[in-house]
């Protein structure tokens, strides 16, 4: 049942993005993915199953996880006028994956 609820939350977010993309203020659709839906779920699960210190570490790591997202956004913004949409999104996603891998590697070293 919990899994179905989480899937429904994701589906609602997609519908909201689609509806906002059709409005005069289409750019607001870029704000919806930043609503902490999945962070709330993740933090609740970790916070209810781990120690307070481990929860705080998860939240701190979450703060640093904004770096790969920024790498994705900068890459897509730069490539938007240079490549096809699909290719710029693919390169942005690969850039995110590389930055995320570096973050995880660095986090485990510290």
PDB file of N, CA and C in Angstrom:
ATOM      1  N   UNK A   1       0.822  -1.200   0.000  1.00  0.00           N
ATOM      2  CA  UNK A   1       0.000   0.000   0.000  1.00  0.00           C
ATOM      3  C   UNK A   1       0.865   1.262   0.000  1.00  0.00           C
ATOM      4  N   UNK A   2       1.962   1.240   0.813  1.00  0.00           N
ATOM      5  CA  UNK A   2       2.857   2.393   0.863  1.00  0.00           C
ATOM      6  C   UNK A   2       3.465   2.677  -0.499  1.00  0.00           C
ATOM      7  N   UNK A   3       3.865   1.623  -1.198  1.00  0.00           N
ATOM      8  CA  UNK A   3       4.474   1.772  -2.519  1.00  0.00           C
ATOM      9  C   UNK A   3       3.492   2.397  -3.500  1.00  0.00           C
ATOM     10  N   UNK A   4       2.236   1.997  -3.434  1.00  0.00           N
ATOM     11  CA  UNK A   4       1.210   2.568  -4.308  1.00  0.00           C
ATOM     12  C   UNK A   4       1.021   4.052  -4.007  1.00  0.00           C
ATOM     13  N   UNK A   5       1.035   4.420  -2.745  1.00  0.00           N
ATOM     14  CA  UNK A   5       0.902   5.823  -2.359  1.00  0.00           C
ATOM     15  C   UNK A   5       2.056   6.652  -2.914  1.00  0.00           C
ATOM     16  N   UNK A   6       3.269   6.127  -2.826  1.00  0.00           N
ATOM     17  CA  UNK A   6       4.444   6.839  -3.339  1.00  0.00           C
ATOM     18  C   UNK A   6       4.351   7.011  -4.853  1.00  0.00           C
ATOM     19  N   UNK A   7       3.875   5.972  -5.542  1.00  0.00           N
ATOM     20  CA  UNK A   7       3.705   6.062  -6.996  1.00  0.00           C
ATOM     21  C   UNK A   7       2.658   7.117  -7.351  1.00  0.00           C
ATOM     22  N   UNK A   8       1.606   7.196  -6.573  1.00  0.00           N
ATOM     23  CA  UNK A   8       0.553   8.195  -6.814  1.00  0.00           C
ATOM     24  C   UNK A   8       1.079   9.620  -6.612  1.00  0.00           C
ATOM     25  N   UNK A   9       1.915   9.792  -5.600  1.00  0.00           N
ATOM     26  CA  UNK A   9       2.516  11.112  -5.363  1.00  0.00           C
ATOM     27  C   UNK A   9       3.358  11.519  -6.572  1.00  0.00           C
ATOM     28  N   UNK A  10       4.143  10.590  -7.102  1.00  0.00           N
ATOM     29  CA  UNK A  10       4.942  10.870  -8.300  1.00  0.00           C
ATOM     30  C   UNK A  10       4.069  11.195  -9.492  1.00  0.00           C
ATOM     31  N   UNK A  11       2.979  10.469  -9.660  1.00  0.00           N
ATOM     32  CA  UNK A  11       2.066  10.719 -10.777  1.00  0.00           C
ATOM     33  C   UNK A  11       1.417  12.095 -10.659  1.00  0.00           C
ATOM     34  N   UNK A  12       1.053  12.484  -9.461  1.00  0.00           N
ATOM     35  CA  UNK A  12       0.466  13.810  -9.248  1.00  0.00           C
ATOM     36  C   UNK A  12       1.472  14.902  -9.626  1.00  0.00           C
ATOM     37  N   UNK A  13       2.730  14.704  -9.256  1.00  0.00           N
ATOM     38  CA  UNK A  13       3.762  15.681  -9.606  1.00  0.00           C
ATOM     39  C   UNK A  13       3.890  15.814 -11.120  1.00  0.00           C
ATOM     40  N   UNK A  14       3.841  14.708 -11.842  1.00  0.00           N
ATOM     41  CA  UNK A  14       3.933  14.743 -13.310  1.00  0.00           C
ATOM     42  C   UNK A  14       2.745  15.492 -13.902  1.00  0.00           C
ATOM     43  N   UNK A  15       1.557  15.251 -13.390  1.00  0.00           N
ATOM     44  CA  UNK A  15       0.358  15.949 -13.881  1.00  0.00           C
ATOM     45  C   UNK A  15       0.468  17.450 -13.620  1.00  0.00           C
ATOM     46  N   UNK A  16       0.939  17.826 -12.443  1.00  0.00           N
ATOM     47  CA  UNK A  16       1.105  19.256 -12.119  1.00  0.00           C
ATOM     48  C   UNK A  16       2.108  19.897 -13.065  1.00  0.00           C
ATOM     49  N   UNK A  17       3.219  19.221 -13.331  1.00  0.00           N
ATOM     50  CA  UNK A  17       4.222  19.755 -14.264  1.00  0.00           C
ATOM     51  C   UNK A  17       3.609  19.949 -15.647  1.00  0.00           C
ATOM     52  N   UNK A  18       2.874  18.952 -16.125  1.00  0.00           N
ATOM     53  CA  UNK A  18       2.231  19.034 -17.445  1.00  0.00           C
ATOM     54  C   UNK A  18       1.256  20.196 -17.517  1.00  0.00           C
ATOM     55  N   UNK A  19       0.450  20.361 -16.496  1.00  0.00           N
ATOM     56  CA  UNK A  19      -0.529  21.453 -16.486  1.00  0.00           C
ATOM     57  C   UNK A  19       0.165  22.818 -16.431  1.00  0.00           C
ATOM     58  N   UNK A  20       1.192  22.938 -15.612  1.00  0.00           N
ATOM     59  CA  UNK A  20       1.914  24.208 -15.521  1.00  0.00           C
ATOM     60  C   UNK A  20       2.642  24.534 -16.824  1.00  0.00           C
ATOM     61  N   UNK A  21       3.142  23.521 -17.506  1.00  0.00           N
ATOM     62  CA  UNK A  21       3.858  23.738 -18.762  1.00  0.00           C
ATOM     63  C   UNK A  21       2.945  24.325 -19.834  1.00  0.00           C
ATOM     64  N   UNK A  22       1.659  24.141 -19.694  1.00  0.00           N
ATOM     65  CA  UNK A  22       0.687  24.648 -20.674  1.00  0.00           C
ATOM     66  C   UNK A  22       0.204  26.062 -20.348  1.00  0.00           C
ATOM     67  N   UNK A  23       0.624  26.619 -19.222  1.00  0.00           N
ATOM     68  CA  UNK A  23       0.142  27.940 -18.814  1.00  0.00           C
ATOM     69  C   UNK A  23       1.068  29.049 -19.311  1.00  0.00           C
ATOM     70  N   UNK A  24       0.629  30.271 -19.094  1.00  0.00           N
ATOM     71  CA  UNK A  24       1.446  31.436 -19.437  1.00  0.00           C
ATOM     72  C   UNK A  24       2.720  31.478 -18.603  1.00  0.00           C
ATOM     73  N   UNK A  25       2.657  30.930 -17.407  1.00  0.00           N
ATOM     74  CA  UNK A  25       3.810  30.878 -16.512  1.00  0.00           C
ATOM     75  C   UNK A  25       4.466  29.494 -16.559  1.00  0.00           C
ATOM     76  N   UNK A  26       4.717  29.000 -17.767  1.00  0.00           N
ATOM     77  CA  UNK A  26       5.265  27.661 -18.009  1.00  0.00           C
ATOM     78  C   UNK A  26       6.544  27.387 -17.223  1.00  0.00           C
ATOM     79  N   UNK A  27       7.337  28.400 -16.965  1.00  0.00           N
ATOM     80  CA  UNK A  27       8.622  28.236 -16.286  1.00  0.00           C
ATOM     81  C   UNK A  27       8.466  27.725 -14.859  1.00  0.00           C
ATOM     82  N   UNK A  28       7.294  27.914 -14.264  1.00  0.00           N
ATOM     83  CA  UNK A  28       7.048  27.433 -12.907  1.00  0.00           C
ATOM     84  C   UNK A  28       7.107  25.902 -12.874  1.00  0.00           C
ATOM     85  N   UNK A  29       6.905  25.256 -14.018  1.00  0.00           N
ATOM     86  CA  UNK A  29       7.013  23.796 -14.088  1.00  0.00           C
ATOM     87  C   UNK A  29       8.402  23.337 -13.650  1.00  0.00           C
ATOM     88  N   UNK A  30       9.407  24.184 -13.791  1.00  0.00           N
ATOM     89  CA  UNK A  30      10.755  23.857 -13.346  1.00  0.00           C
ATOM     90  C   UNK A  30      10.918  23.890 -11.833  1.00  0.00           C
ATOM     91  N   UNK A  31       9.967  24.468 -11.149  1.00  0.00           N
ATOM     92  CA  UNK A  31      10.019  24.543  -9.682  1.00  0.00           C
ATOM     93  C   UNK A  31       9.433  23.287  -9.030  1.00  0.00           C
ATOM     94  N   UNK A  32       8.459  22.679  -9.682  1.00  0.00           N
ATOM     95  CA  UNK A  32       7.761  21.524  -9.104  1.00  0.00           C
ATOM     96  C   UNK A  32       8.703  20.372  -8.742  1.00  0.00           C
ATOM     97  N   UNK A  33       9.671  20.006  -9.611  1.00  0.00           N
ATOM     98  CA  UNK A  33      10.550  18.897  -9.230  1.00  0.00           C
ATOM     99  C   UNK A  33      11.393  19.191  -7.990  1.00  0.00           C
ATOM    100  N   UNK A  34      11.507  20.456  -7.638  1.00  0.00           N
ATOM    101  CA  UNK A  34      12.296  20.811  -6.461  1.00  0.00           C
ATOM    102  C   UNK A  34      11.483  20.771  -5.175  1.00  0.00           C
ATOM    103  N   UNK A  35      10.169  20.533  -5.285  1.00  0.00           N
ATOM    104  CA  UNK A  35       9.384  20.331  -4.069  1.00  0.00           C
ATOM    105  C   UNK A  35       9.920  19.064  -3.422  1.00  0.00           C
ATOM    106  N   UNK A  36      10.173  19.092  -2.133  1.00  0.00           N
ATOM    107  CA  UNK A  36      10.892  17.974  -1.511  1.00  0.00           C
ATOM    108  C   UNK A  36      10.057  16.711  -1.273  1.00  0.00           C
ATOM    109  N   UNK A  37       9.253  16.325  -2.251  1.00  0.00           N
ATOM    110  CA  UNK A  37       8.417  15.130  -2.103  1.00  0.00           C
ATOM    111  C   UNK A  37       9.249  13.915  -1.724  1.00  0.00           C
ATOM    112  N   UNK A  38      10.247  13.614  -2.561  1.00  0.00           N
ATOM    113  CA  UNK A  38      11.044  12.417  -2.321  1.00  0.00           C
ATOM    114  C   UNK A  38      12.001  12.609  -1.147  1.00  0.00           C
ATOM    115  N   UNK A  39      12.425  13.833  -0.907  1.00  0.00           N
ATOM    116  CA  UNK A  39      13.257  14.092   0.273  1.00  0.00           C
ATOM    117  C   UNK A  39      12.442  13.846   1.541  1.00  0.00           C
ATOM    118  N   UNK A  40      11.191  14.271   1.545  1.00  0.00           N
ATOM    119  CA  UNK A  40      10.338  14.025   2.707  1.00  0.00           C
ATOM    120  C   UNK A  40      10.190  12.527   2.963  1.00  0.00           C
ATOM    121  N   UNK A  41       9.941  11.768   1.901  1.00  0.00           N
ATOM    122  CA  UNK A  41       9.799  10.317   2.042  1.00  0.00           C
ATOM    123  C   UNK A  41      11.103   9.707   2.547  1.00  0.00           C
ATOM    124  N   UNK A  42      12.202  10.080   1.894  1.00  0.00           N
ATOM    125  CA  UNK A  42      13.516   9.545   2.260  1.00  0.00           C
ATOM    126  C   UNK A  42      13.881   9.906   3.690  1.00  0.00           C
ATOM    127  N   UNK A  43      13.707  11.155   4.042  1.00  0.00           N
ATOM    128  CA  UNK A  43      14.086  11.605   5.378  1.00  0.00           C
ATOM    129  C   UNK A  43      13.188  10.971   6.447  1.00  0.00           C
ATOM    130  N   UNK A  44      11.927  10.776   6.121  1.00  0.00           N
ATOM    131  CA  UNK A  44      11.043  10.110   7.085  1.00  0.00           C
ATOM    132  C   UNK A  44      11.495   8.669   7.322  1.00  0.00           C
ATOM    133  N   UNK A  45      11.794   7.962   6.226  1.00  0.00           N
ATOM    134  CA  UNK A  45      12.221   6.568   6.354  1.00  0.00           C
ATOM    135  C   UNK A  45      13.522   6.468   7.142  1.00  0.00           C
ATOM    136  N   UNK A  46      14.517   7.275   6.764  1.00  0.00           N
ATOM    137  CA  UNK A  46      15.806   7.235   7.470  1.00  0.00           C
ATOM    138  C   UNK A  46      15.634   7.685   8.916  1.00  0.00           C
ATOM    139  N   UNK A  47      14.892   8.766   9.114  1.00  0.00           N
ATOM    140  CA  UNK A  47      14.699   9.298  10.464  1.00  0.00           C
ATOM    141  C   UNK A  47      13.963   8.351  11.396  1.00  0.00           C
ATOM    142  N   UNK A  48      13.102   7.510  10.835  1.00  0.00           N
ATOM    143  CA  UNK A  48      12.357   6.582  11.684  1.00  0.00           C
ATOM    144  C   UNK A  48      13.081   5.251  11.874  1.00  0.00           C
ATOM    145  N   UNK A  49      14.124   4.992  11.066  1.00  0.00           N
ATOM    146  CA  UNK A  49      14.808   3.698  11.148  1.00  0.00           C
ATOM    147  C   UNK A  49      16.247   3.791  11.655  1.00  0.00           C
ATOM    148  N   UNK A  50      16.827   4.984  11.635  1.00  0.00           N
ATOM    149  CA  UNK A  50      18.236   5.132  12.008  1.00  0.00           C
ATOM    150  C   UNK A  50      18.353   6.051  13.217  1.00  0.00           C
ATOM    151  N   UNK A  51      19.588   6.227  13.687  1.00  0.00           N
ATOM    152  CA  UNK A  51      19.819   7.105  14.840  1.00  0.00           C
ATOM    153  C   UNK A  51      19.692   8.571  14.423  1.00  0.00           C
ATOM    154  N   UNK A  52      19.606   9.443  15.412  1.00  0.00           N
ATOM    155  CA  UNK A  52      19.536  10.874  15.140  1.00  0.00           C
ATOM    156  C   UNK A  52      20.752  11.374  14.384  1.00  0.00           C
ATOM    157  N   UNK A  53      21.926  10.871  14.747  1.00  0.00           N
ATOM    158  CA  UNK A  53      23.163  11.276  14.072  1.00  0.00           C
ATOM    159  C   UNK A  53      23.167  10.809  12.612  1.00  0.00           C
ATOM    160  N   UNK A  54      22.700   9.602  12.369  1.00  0.00           N
ATOM    161  CA  UNK A  54      22.642   9.090  10.992  1.00  0.00           C
ATOM    162  C   UNK A  54      21.632   9.876  10.164  1.00  0.00           C
ATOM    163  N   UNK A  55      20.541  10.271  10.800  1.00  0.00           N
ATOM    164  CA  UNK A  55      19.565  11.119  10.115  1.00  0.00           C
ATOM    165  C   UNK A  55      20.185  12.465   9.728  1.00  0.00           C
ATOM    166  N   UNK A  56      20.915  13.066  10.663  1.00  0.00           N
ATOM    167  CA  UNK A  56      21.568  14.342  10.370  1.00  0.00           C
ATOM    168  C   UNK A  56      22.590  14.189   9.239  1.00  0.00           C
ATOM    169  N   UNK A  57      23.307  13.075   9.225  1.00  0.00           N
ATOM    170  CA  UNK A  57      24.266  12.834   8.145  1.00  0.00           C
ATOM    171  C   UNK A  57      23.549  12.717   6.800  1.00  0.00           C
ATOM    172  N   UNK A  58      22.397  12.067   6.802  1.00  0.00           N
ATOM    173  CA  UNK A  58      21.599  11.951   5.579  1.00  0.00           C
ATOM    174  C   UNK A  58      21.150  13.323   5.086  1.00  0.00           C
ATOM    175  N   UNK A  59      20.721  14.169   6.009  1.00  0.00           N
ATOM    176  CA  UNK A  59      20.288  15.526   5.638  1.00  0.00           C
ATOM    177  C   UNK A  59      21.474  16.332   5.100  1.00  0.00           C
ATOM    178  N   UNK A  60      22.635  16.209   5.732  1.00  0.00           N
ATOM    179  CA  UNK A  60      23.834  16.917   5.256  1.00  0.00           C
ATOM    180  C   UNK A  60      24.200  16.449   3.852  1.00  0.00           C
ATOM    181  N   UNK A  61      24.167  15.134   3.620  1.00  0.00           N
ATOM    182  CA  UNK A  61      24.460  14.616   2.284  1.00  0.00           C
ATOM    183  C   UNK A  61      23.440  15.139   1.282  1.00  0.00           C
ATOM    184  N   UNK A  62      22.189  15.246   1.701  1.00  0.00           N
ATOM    185  CA  UNK A  62      21.142  15.781   0.826  1.00  0.00           C
ATOM    186  C   UNK A  62      21.458  17.210   0.377  1.00  0.00           C
ATOM    187  N   UNK A  63      22.035  17.990   1.280  1.00  0.00           N
ATOM    188  CA  UNK A  63      22.421  19.359   0.916  1.00  0.00           C
ATOM    189  C   UNK A  63      23.462  19.345  -0.196  1.00  0.00           C
ATOM    190  N   UNK A  64      24.445  18.476  -0.062  1.00  0.00           N
ATOM    191  CA  UNK A  64      25.486  18.385  -1.090  1.00  0.00           C
ATOM    192  C   UNK A  64      24.962  17.782  -2.387  1.00  0.00           C
ATOM    193  N   UNK A  65      23.856  17.063  -2.316  1.00  0.00           N
ATOM    194  CA  UNK A  65      23.298  16.459  -3.530  1.00  0.00           C
ATOM    195  C   UNK A  65      22.757  17.506  -4.500  1.00  0.00           C
ATOM    196  N   UNK A  66      22.662  18.736  -4.039  1.00  0.00           N
ATOM    197  CA  UNK A  66      22.254  19.814  -4.953  1.00  0.00           C
ATOM    198  C   UNK A  66      23.341  20.104  -5.986  1.00  0.00           C
ATOM    199  N   UNK A  67      24.582  19.742  -5.688  1.00  0.00           N
ATOM    200  CA  UNK A  67      25.686  20.002  -6.623  1.00  0.00           C
ATOM    201  C   UNK A  67      25.499  19.249  -7.940  1.00  0.00           C
ATOM    202  N   UNK A  68      25.232  17.930  -7.926  1.00  0.00           N
ATOM    203  CA  UNK A  68      24.988  17.251  -9.211  1.00  0.00           C
ATOM    204  C   UNK A  68      23.788  17.822  -9.963  1.00  0.00           C
ATOM    205  N   UNK A  69      22.765  18.239  -9.239  1.00  0.00           N
ATOM    206  CA  UNK A  69      21.602  18.845  -9.900  1.00  0.00           C
ATOM    207  C   UNK A  69      21.998  20.154 -10.578  1.00  0.00           C
ATOM    208  N   UNK A  70      22.821  20.940  -9.915  1.00  0.00           N
ATOM    209  CA  UNK A  70      23.310  22.185 -10.522  1.00  0.00           C
ATOM    210  C   UNK A  70      24.146  21.886 -11.761  1.00  0.00           C
ATOM    211  N   UNK A  71      24.979  20.858 -11.697  1.00  0.00           N
ATOM    212  CA  UNK A  71      25.778  20.450 -12.860  1.00  0.00           C
ATOM    213  C   UNK A  71      24.851  20.100 -14.021  1.00  0.00           C
ATOM    214  N   UNK A  72      23.790  19.347 -13.736  1.00  0.00           N
ATOM    215  CA  UNK A  72      22.801  19.004 -14.768  1.00  0.00           C
ATOM    216  C   UNK A  72      22.197  20.262 -15.389  1.00  0.00           C
ATOM    217  N   UNK A  73      21.731  21.179 -14.541  1.00  0.00           N
ATOM    218  CA  UNK A  73      21.077  22.389 -15.040  1.00  0.00           C
ATOM    219  C   UNK A  73      22.019  23.257 -15.870  1.00  0.00           C
ATOM    220  N   UNK A  74      23.234  23.440 -15.408  1.00  0.00           N
ATOM    221  CA  UNK A  74      24.206  24.252 -16.142  1.00  0.00           C
ATOM    222  C   UNK A  74      24.506  23.604 -17.496  1.00  0.00           C
ATOM    223  N   UNK A  75      24.669  22.281 -17.511  1.00  0.00           N
ATOM    224  CA  UNK A  75      24.953  21.571 -18.753  1.00  0.00           C
ATOM    225  C   UNK A  75      23.806  21.721 -19.743  1.00  0.00           C
ATOM    226  N   UNK A  76      22.590  21.478 -19.296  1.00  0.00           N
ATOM    227  CA  UNK A  76      21.430  21.582 -20.189  1.00  0.00           C
ATOM    228  C   UNK A  76      21.250  23.019 -20.676  1.00  0.00           C
ATOM    229  N   UNK A  77      21.434  23.982 -19.798  1.00  0.00           N
ATOM    230  CA  UNK A  77      21.305  25.391 -20.193  1.00  0.00           C
ATOM    231  C   UNK A  77      22.325  25.731 -21.277  1.00  0.00           C
ATOM    232  N   UNK A  78      23.566  25.317 -21.086  1.00  0.00           N
ATOM    233  CA  UNK A  78      24.629  25.603 -22.050  1.00  0.00           C
ATOM    234  C   UNK A  78      24.371  24.911 -23.388  1.00  0.00           C
ATOM    235  N   UNK A  79      23.871  23.685 -23.355  1.00  0.00           N
ATOM    236  CA  UNK A  79      23.683  22.905 -24.581  1.00  0.00           C
ATOM    237  C   UNK A  79      22.347  23.151 -25.273  1.00  0.00           C
ATOM    238  N   UNK A  80      21.433  23.848 -24.632  1.00  0.00           N
ATOM    239  CA  UNK A  80      20.084  24.038 -25.177  1.00  0.00           C
ATOM    240  C   UNK A  80      20.088  24.645 -26.572  1.00  0.00           C
ATOM    241  N   UNK A  81      21.005  25.550 -26.844  1.00  0.00           N
ATOM    242  CA  UNK A  81      21.075  26.198 -28.161  1.00  0.00           C
ATOM    243  C   UNK A  81      22.066  25.511 -29.097  1.00  0.00           C
ATOM    244  N   UNK A  82      22.729  24.495 -28.617  1.00  0.00           N
ATOM    245  CA  UNK A  82      23.801  23.868 -29.391  1.00  0.00           C
ATOM    246  C   UNK A  82      23.464  22.463 -29.875  1.00  0.00           C
ATOM    247  N   UNK A  83      22.588  21.758 -29.161  1.00  0.00           N
ATOM    248  CA  UNK A  83      22.246  20.381 -29.504  1.00  0.00           C
ATOM    249  C   UNK A  83      20.733  20.206 -29.537  1.00  0.00           C
ATOM    250  N   UNK A  84      20.301  19.083 -30.125  1.00  0.00           N
ATOM    251  CA  UNK A  84      18.883  18.727 -30.069  1.00  0.00           C
ATOM    252  C   UNK A  84      18.472  18.565 -28.609  1.00  0.00           C
ATOM    253  N   UNK A  85      17.211  18.762 -28.338  1.00  0.00           N
ATOM    254  CA  UNK A  85      16.693  18.669 -26.979  1.00  0.00           C
ATOM    255  C   UNK A  85      17.071  17.350 -26.315  1.00  0.00           C
ATOM    256  N   UNK A  86      16.795  16.238 -27.002  1.00  0.00           N
ATOM    257  CA  UNK A  86      17.054  14.929 -26.413  1.00  0.00           C
ATOM    258  C   UNK A  86      18.531  14.726 -26.088  1.00  0.00           C
ATOM    259  N   UNK A  87      19.391  15.189 -26.970  1.00  0.00           N
ATOM    260  CA  UNK A  87      20.826  15.026 -26.752  1.00  0.00           C
ATOM    261  C   UNK A  87      21.320  15.911 -25.606  1.00  0.00           C
ATOM    262  N   UNK A  88      20.807  17.127 -25.533  1.00  0.00           N
ATOM    263  CA  UNK A  88      21.226  18.001 -24.427  1.00  0.00           C
ATOM    264  C   UNK A  88      20.753  17.434 -23.091  1.00  0.00           C
ATOM    265  N   UNK A  89      19.557  16.834 -23.058  1.00  0.00           N
ATOM    266  CA  UNK A  89      19.068  16.213 -21.824  1.00  0.00           C
ATOM    267  C   UNK A  89      19.885  14.966 -21.474  1.00  0.00           C
ATOM    268  N   UNK A  90      20.263  14.208 -22.490  1.00  0.00           N
ATOM    269  CA  UNK A  90      21.094  13.025 -22.252  1.00  0.00           C
ATOM    270  C   UNK A  90      22.455  13.411 -21.687  1.00  0.00           C
ATOM    271  N   UNK A  91      23.097  14.405 -22.298  1.00  0.00           N
ATOM    272  CA  UNK A  91      24.408  14.850 -21.819  1.00  0.00           C
ATOM    273  C   UNK A  91      24.270  15.434 -20.407  1.00  0.00           C
ATOM    274  N   UNK A  92      23.195  16.170 -20.172  1.00  0.00           N
ATOM    275  CA  UNK A  92      22.945  16.699 -18.825  1.00  0.00           C
ATOM    276  C   UNK A  92      22.794  15.589 -17.799  1.00  0.00           C
ATOM    277  N   UNK A  93      22.079  14.537 -18.180  1.00  0.00           N
ATOM    278  CA  UNK A  93      21.885  13.400 -17.284  1.00  0.00           C
ATOM    279  C   UNK A  93      23.200  12.679 -17.011  1.00  0.00           C
ATOM    280  N   UNK A  94      23.995  12.503 -18.054  1.00  0.00           N
ATOM    281  CA  UNK A  94      25.307  11.874 -17.870  1.00  0.00           C
ATOM    282  C   UNK A  94      26.208  12.745 -16.990  1.00  0.00           C
ATOM    283  N   UNK A  95      26.101  14.058 -17.155  1.00  0.00           N
ATOM    284  CA  UNK A  95      26.870  14.978 -16.313  1.00  0.00           C
ATOM    285  C   UNK A  95      26.425  14.862 -14.858  1.00  0.00           C
ATOM    286  N   UNK A  96      25.107  14.755 -14.657  1.00  0.00           N
ATOM    287  CA  UNK A  96      24.587  14.564 -13.304  1.00  0.00           C
ATOM    288  C   UNK A  96      25.140  13.274 -12.701  1.00  0.00           C
ATOM    289  N   UNK A  97      25.120  12.184 -13.483  1.00  0.00           N
ATOM    290  CA  UNK A  97      25.602  10.892 -12.988  1.00  0.00           C
ATOM    291  C   UNK A  97      27.080  10.964 -12.606  1.00  0.00           C
ATOM    292  N   UNK A  98      27.872  11.640 -13.435  1.00  0.00           N
ATOM    293  CA  UNK A  98      29.301  11.776 -13.130  1.00  0.00           C
ATOM    294  C   UNK A  98      29.505  12.600 -11.862  1.00  0.00           C
ATOM    295  N   UNK A  99      28.786  13.710 -11.746  1.00  0.00           N
ATOM    296  CA  UNK A  99      28.918  14.552 -10.550  1.00  0.00           C
ATOM    297  C   UNK A  99      28.421  13.809  -9.307  1.00  0.00           C
ATOM    298  N   UNK A 100      27.358  13.025  -9.450  1.00  0.00           N
ATOM    299  CA  UNK A 100      26.839  12.252  -8.319  1.00  0.00           C
ATOM    300  C   UNK A 100      27.844  11.186  -7.889  1.00  0.00           C
ATOM    301  N   UNK A 101      28.475  10.536  -8.861  1.00  0.00           N
ATOM    302  CA  UNK A 101      29.484   9.519  -8.540  1.00  0.00           C
ATOM    303  C   UNK A 101      30.666  10.146  -7.804  1.00  0.00           C
ATOM    304  N   UNK A 102      31.092  11.310  -8.267  1.00  0.00           N
ATOM    305  CA  UNK A 102      32.192  12.021  -7.598  1.00  0.00           C
ATOM    306  C   UNK A 102      31.790  12.395  -6.176  1.00  0.00           C
ATOM    307  N   UNK A 103      30.557  12.872  -6.019  1.00  0.00           N
ATOM    308  CA  UNK A 103      30.063  13.240  -4.690  1.00  0.00           C
ATOM    309  C   UNK A 103      30.070  12.037  -3.746  1.00  0.00           C
ATOM    310  N   UNK A 104      29.541  10.906  -4.205  1.00  0.00           N
ATOM    311  CA  UNK A 104      29.503   9.711  -3.356  1.00  0.00           C
ATOM    312  C   UNK A 104      30.907   9.255  -3.016  1.00  0.00           C
ATOM    313  N   UNK A 105      31.796   9.254  -3.997  1.00  0.00           N
ATOM    314  CA  UNK A 105      33.183   8.866  -3.758  1.00  0.00           C
ATOM    315  C   UNK A 105      33.831   9.791  -2.727  1.00  0.00           C
ATOM    316  N   UNK A 106      33.660  11.103  -2.923  1.00  0.00           N
ATOM    317  CA  UNK A 106      34.254  12.079  -2.003  1.00  0.00           C
ATOM    318  C   UNK A 106      33.646  11.956  -0.604  1.00  0.00           C
ATOM    319  N   UNK A 107      32.331  11.730  -0.529  1.00  0.00           N
ATOM    320  CA  UNK A 107      31.658  11.616   0.761  1.00  0.00           C
ATOM    321  C   UNK A 107      32.195  10.409   1.539  1.00  0.00           C
ATOM    322  N   UNK A 108      32.432   9.328   0.839  1.00  0.00           N
ATOM    323  CA  UNK A 108      32.951   8.117   1.496  1.00  0.00           C
ATOM    324  C   UNK A 108      34.400   8.270   1.932  1.00  0.00           C
ATOM    325  N   UNK A 109      35.132   9.191   1.326  1.00  0.00           N
ATOM    326  CA  UNK A 109      36.536   9.430   1.690  1.00  0.00           C
ATOM    327  C   UNK A 109      36.662  10.349   2.902  1.00  0.00           C
ATOM    328  N   UNK A 110      35.645  11.151   3.143  1.00  0.00           N
ATOM    329  CA  UNK A 110      35.716  12.150   4.221  1.00  0.00           C
ATOM    330  C   UNK A 110      35.194  11.618   5.510  1.00  0.00           C
TER     331      UNK A 110
END
